[in-house]
Amino acid sequence: MSYDKILIVVLFLLALVLVQLLIKYRGNVLHPSLPKTSSFTKISVQARLPLSKNDRADVVSVGKQSFLLVFAKGNSPSIIELATDDQQVLNGIEE
């Protein structure tokens, strides 16, 4: 086996490792320069109710809003926004 081929493979692997390190450290340098926002919205499943073997209903909260998602086999999910406590209080005041 010729040493030229082994040398080419070793140099290629070394170049790949250097590119990986370059990307890794460039990513760490560029990442902190992105604007920091605290507006990341937390999404969580509040409740899950199985309606049948293939159907279910979930209550999902996104930030301060809540949604009812109904999943049925063969159909796209139905999404209904639920009123928050603040909206119910405001609606009671307006009436």
C-alpha atoms as a PDB file:
ATOM      1  CA  MET A   1       0.000   0.000   0.000  1.00  0.00           C
ATOM      2  CA  SER A   2       1.380   3.384  -0.867  1.00  0.00           C
ATOM      3  CA  TYR A   3       1.983   5.974   1.774  1.00  0.00           C
ATOM      4  CA  ASP A   4       0.634   8.685  -0.484  1.00  0.00           C
ATOM      5  CA  LYS A   5      -2.935   7.416  -0.089  1.00  0.00           C
ATOM      6  CA  ILE A   6      -2.592   7.160   3.692  1.00  0.00           C
ATOM      7  CA  LEU A   7      -1.195  10.687   3.834  1.00  0.00           C
ATOM      8  CA  ILE A   8      -4.088  12.034   1.742  1.00  0.00           C
ATOM      9  CA  VAL A   9      -6.669  10.362   4.010  1.00  0.00           C
ATOM     10  CA  VAL A  10      -4.974  11.684   7.174  1.00  0.00           C
ATOM     11  CA  LEU A  11      -4.797  15.210   5.749  1.00  0.00           C
ATOM     12  CA  PHE A  12      -8.449  15.036   4.714  1.00  0.00           C
ATOM     13  CA  LEU A  13      -9.505  13.902   8.202  1.00  0.00           C
ATOM     14  CA  LEU A  14      -7.388  16.640   9.755  1.00  0.00           C
ATOM     15  CA  ALA A  15      -9.060  19.222   7.508  1.00  0.00           C
ATOM     16  CA  LEU A  16     -12.508  17.943   8.551  1.00  0.00           C
ATOM     17  CA  VAL A  17     -11.600  18.208  12.236  1.00  0.00           C
ATOM     18  CA  LEU A  18     -10.320  21.750  11.719  1.00  0.00           C
ATOM     19  CA  VAL A  19     -13.511  22.750   9.904  1.00  0.00           C
ATOM     20  CA  GLN A  20     -15.573  21.251  12.720  1.00  0.00           C
ATOM     21  CA  LEU A  21     -13.629  23.195  15.352  1.00  0.00           C
ATOM     22  CA  LEU A  22     -13.884  26.384  13.305  1.00  0.00           C
ATOM     23  CA  ILE A  23     -17.658  26.041  13.031  1.00  0.00           C
ATOM     24  CA  LYS A  24     -17.963  25.194  16.708  1.00  0.00           C
ATOM     25  CA  TYR A  25     -16.003  28.229  17.889  1.00  0.00           C
ATOM     26  CA  ARG A  26     -17.499  30.580  15.299  1.00  0.00           C
ATOM     27  CA  GLY A  27     -20.944  29.463  16.429  1.00  0.00           C
ATOM     28  CA  ASN A  28     -20.102  30.303  20.043  1.00  0.00           C
ATOM     29  CA  VAL A  29     -18.783  33.709  18.984  1.00  0.00           C
ATOM     30  CA  LEU A  30     -21.807  34.560  16.820  1.00  0.00           C
ATOM     31  CA  HIS A  31     -24.436  33.098  19.157  1.00  0.00           C
ATOM     32  CA  PRO A  32     -23.964  35.594  22.035  1.00  0.00           C
ATOM     33  CA  SER A  33     -24.178  38.479  19.561  1.00  0.00           C
ATOM     34  CA  LEU A  34     -27.795  37.589  18.792  1.00  0.00           C
ATOM     35  CA  PRO A  35     -30.309  39.801  20.598  1.00  0.00           C
ATOM     36  CA  LYS A  36     -31.449  38.329  23.877  1.00  0.00           C
ATOM     37  CA  THR A  37     -35.214  38.303  24.210  1.00  0.00           C
ATOM     38  CA  SER A  38     -37.259  36.999  27.075  1.00  0.00           C
ATOM     39  CA  SER A  39     -40.310  36.638  24.869  1.00  0.00           C
ATOM     40  CA  PHE A  40     -39.889  32.895  24.402  1.00  0.00           C
ATOM     41  CA  THR A  41     -43.351  31.506  24.850  1.00  0.00           C
ATOM     42  CA  LYS A  42     -43.824  28.468  27.014  1.00  0.00           C
ATOM     43  CA  ILE A  43     -46.076  25.839  25.476  1.00  0.00           C
ATOM     44  CA  SER A  44     -47.510  23.168  27.759  1.00  0.00           C
ATOM     45  CA  VAL A  45     -50.273  20.587  27.719  1.00  0.00           C
ATOM     46  CA  GLN A  46     -52.582  21.338  30.638  1.00  0.00           C
ATOM     47  CA  ALA A  47     -54.972  18.400  30.254  1.00  0.00           C
ATOM     48  CA  ARG A  48     -55.527  15.406  27.985  1.00  0.00           C
ATOM     49  CA  LEU A  49     -58.857  13.602  27.696  1.00  0.00           C
ATOM     50  CA  PRO A  50     -59.160  10.429  25.626  1.00  0.00           C
ATOM     51  CA  LEU A  51     -62.534  10.503  23.867  1.00  0.00           C
ATOM     52  CA  SER A  52     -62.234   7.107  22.209  1.00  0.00           C
ATOM     53  CA  LYS A  53     -59.541   4.705  21.059  1.00  0.00           C
ATOM     54  CA  ASN A  54     -58.366   7.066  18.317  1.00  0.00           C
ATOM     55  CA  ASP A  55     -59.746  10.448  19.405  1.00  0.00           C
ATOM     56  CA  ARG A  56     -58.606  12.791  22.151  1.00  0.00           C
ATOM     57  CA  ALA A  57     -58.991  16.353  23.383  1.00  0.00           C
ATOM     58  CA  ASP A  58     -56.091  18.409  24.759  1.00  0.00           C
ATOM     59  CA  VAL A  59     -56.015  21.739  26.549  1.00  0.00           C
ATOM     60  CA  VAL A  60     -52.788  23.511  25.569  1.00  0.00           C
ATOM     61  CA  SER A  61     -51.542  26.776  27.003  1.00  0.00           C
ATOM     62  CA  VAL A  62     -49.319  29.072  24.961  1.00  0.00           C
ATOM     63  CA  GLY A  63     -48.116  31.945  27.077  1.00  0.00           C
ATOM     64  CA  LYS A  64     -51.281  33.385  28.636  1.00  0.00           C
ATOM     65  CA  GLN A  65     -53.665  31.886  26.062  1.00  0.00           C
ATOM     66  CA  SER A  66     -55.327  28.472  26.245  1.00  0.00           C
ATOM     67  CA  PHE A  67     -56.589  26.370  23.366  1.00  0.00           C
ATOM     68  CA  LEU A  68     -58.728  23.257  23.085  1.00  0.00           C
ATOM     69  CA  LEU A  69     -57.395  20.839  20.463  1.00  0.00           C
ATOM     70  CA  VAL A  70     -59.620  17.966  19.366  1.00  0.00           C
ATOM     71  CA  PHE A  71     -57.854  15.185  17.467  1.00  0.00           C
ATOM     72  CA  ALA A  72     -59.956  12.710  15.482  1.00  0.00           C
ATOM     73  CA  LYS A  73     -58.671   9.914  13.278  1.00  0.00           C
ATOM     74  CA  GLY A  74     -58.836  10.823   9.606  1.00  0.00           C
ATOM     75  CA  ASN A  75     -59.539  14.524  10.259  1.00  0.00           C
ATOM     76  CA  SER A  76     -57.335  17.523  10.862  1.00  0.00           C
ATOM     77  CA  PRO A  77     -57.269  18.763  14.474  1.00  0.00           C
ATOM     78  CA  SER A  78     -59.882  21.306  15.523  1.00  0.00           C
ATOM     79  CA  ILE A  79     -58.512  24.255  17.483  1.00  0.00           C
ATOM     80  CA  ILE A  80     -60.701  26.440  19.703  1.00  0.00           C
ATOM     81  CA  GLU A  81     -59.358  29.356  21.724  1.00  0.00           C
ATOM     82  CA  LEU A  82     -60.542  29.272  25.310  1.00  0.00           C
ATOM     83  CA  ALA A  83     -61.337  32.469  27.167  1.00  0.00           C
ATOM     84  CA  THR A  84     -58.878  33.389  29.912  1.00  0.00           C
ATOM     85  CA  ASP A  85     -59.920  34.607  33.340  1.00  0.00           C
ATOM     86  CA  ASP A  86     -58.998  38.180  32.357  1.00  0.00           C
ATOM     87  CA  GLN A  87     -61.231  38.010  29.259  1.00  0.00           C
ATOM     88  CA  GLN A  88     -64.139  36.621  31.298  1.00  0.00           C
ATOM     89  CA  VAL A  89     -63.801  39.451  33.841  1.00  0.00           C
ATOM     90  CA  LEU A  90     -63.712  42.066  31.060  1.00  0.00           C
ATOM     91  CA  ASN A  91     -66.738  40.522  29.353  1.00  0.00           C
ATOM     92  CA  GLY A  92     -68.628  40.568  32.675  1.00  0.00           C
ATOM     93  CA  ILE A  93     -67.812  44.260  33.161  1.00  0.00           C
ATOM     94  CA  GLU A  94     -68.895  45.187  29.631  1.00  0.00           C
ATOM     95  CA  GLU A  95     -72.296  43.509  30.021  1.00  0.00           C
END
